[in-house]
Amino acid sequence: MTILHRRISRKTASAYAVLYRKARPVVVSLMPGDILEFRESGRRTRFQLPIETAFRYAVRLAANAKKVRK
């Protein structure tokens, strides 16, 4: 594993209409301090989320999906 010392950013392959009607790709960044950062491509507003929170949410979604399947 590599410890992050600087931001690593990637743009999504698809565009999404999350904040506005016009769909735009989303830029996702892994940041030092175990932070995920999201923003729409071409926009300045950034949204940060601790990786722990994202992981906890993903586990909760998987557990709920499993419960629904049963």
Protein backbone atom coordinates (compact mmCIF):
# COMPACT_ATOMS: atom_id res chain seq x y z
CA MET A 1 0.00 0.00 0.00
CA THR A 2 1.03 3.55 -0.64
CA ILE A 3 0.54 6.33 1.90
CA LEU A 4 -0.83 9.50 0.32
CA HIS A 5 1.25 12.63 0.61
CA ARG A 6 -0.61 14.60 -2.07
CA ARG A 7 -3.98 14.65 -3.81
CA ILE A 8 -4.74 12.05 -6.51
CA SER A 9 -7.64 13.05 -8.80
CA ARG A 10 -9.52 11.19 -11.51
CA LYS A 11 -12.50 12.14 -13.70
CA THR A 12 -15.41 9.72 -14.09
CA ALA A 13 -16.04 8.08 -17.46
CA SER A 14 -19.74 9.02 -17.40
CA ALA A 15 -21.49 12.32 -16.74
CA TYR A 16 -24.05 12.74 -13.96
CA ALA A 17 -26.77 15.35 -13.37
CA VAL A 18 -26.51 15.63 -9.59
CA LEU A 19 -26.50 19.34 -8.77
CA TYR A 20 -27.78 20.82 -12.04
CA ARG A 21 -29.79 19.61 -15.03
CA LYS A 22 -26.77 19.52 -17.31
CA ALA A 23 -24.84 16.30 -16.73
CA ARG A 24 -21.12 16.71 -16.08
CA PRO A 25 -18.34 14.26 -15.21
CA VAL A 26 -17.43 14.10 -11.53
CA VAL A 27 -13.85 14.64 -10.36
CA VAL A 28 -13.01 12.33 -7.45
CA SER A 29 -9.90 12.94 -5.34
CA LEU A 30 -8.16 10.84 -2.71
CA MET A 31 -6.56 13.23 -0.26
CA PRO A 32 -4.10 12.89 2.59
CA GLY A 33 -5.84 12.36 5.90
CA ASP A 34 -8.16 9.68 4.45
CA ILE A 35 -10.55 12.12 2.78
CA LEU A 36 -12.57 11.66 -0.42
CA GLU A 37 -13.34 14.83 -2.32
CA PHE A 38 -15.94 15.22 -5.07
CA ARG A 39 -16.72 18.08 -7.45
CA GLU A 40 -18.38 18.51 -10.81
CA SER A 41 -15.96 18.99 -13.66
CA GLY A 42 -15.74 22.70 -14.45
CA ARG A 43 -17.14 23.78 -11.09
CA ARG A 44 -15.35 24.99 -7.96
CA THR A 45 -17.65 23.71 -5.21
CA ARG A 46 -16.01 20.76 -3.46
CA PHE A 47 -17.61 18.17 -1.19
CA GLN A 48 -15.44 16.22 1.25
CA LEU A 49 -16.21 12.95 2.99
CA PRO A 50 -14.04 10.93 5.37
CA ILE A 51 -13.25 7.49 3.94
CA GLU A 52 -14.52 5.90 7.16
CA THR A 53 -17.95 7.45 6.58
CA ALA A 54 -18.05 6.32 2.94
CA PHE A 55 -17.05 2.77 3.92
CA ARG A 56 -19.64 2.65 6.71
CA TYR A 57 -22.34 3.83 4.27
CA ALA A 58 -21.31 1.23 1.65
CA VAL A 59 -21.50 -1.57 4.25
CA ARG A 60 -24.92 -0.35 5.40
CA LEU A 61 -26.22 -0.30 1.79
CA ALA A 62 -24.93 -3.84 1.19
CA ALA A 63 -26.52 -5.09 4.41
CA ASN A 64 -29.87 -3.49 3.50
CA ALA A 65 -29.73 -4.97 0.00
CA LYS A 66 -29.01 -8.40 1.46
CA LYS A 67 -31.94 -8.00 3.87
CA VAL A 68 -34.28 -7.07 0.99
CA ARG A 69 -33.18 -10.12 -1.06
CA LYS A 70 -34.16 -12.45 1.79
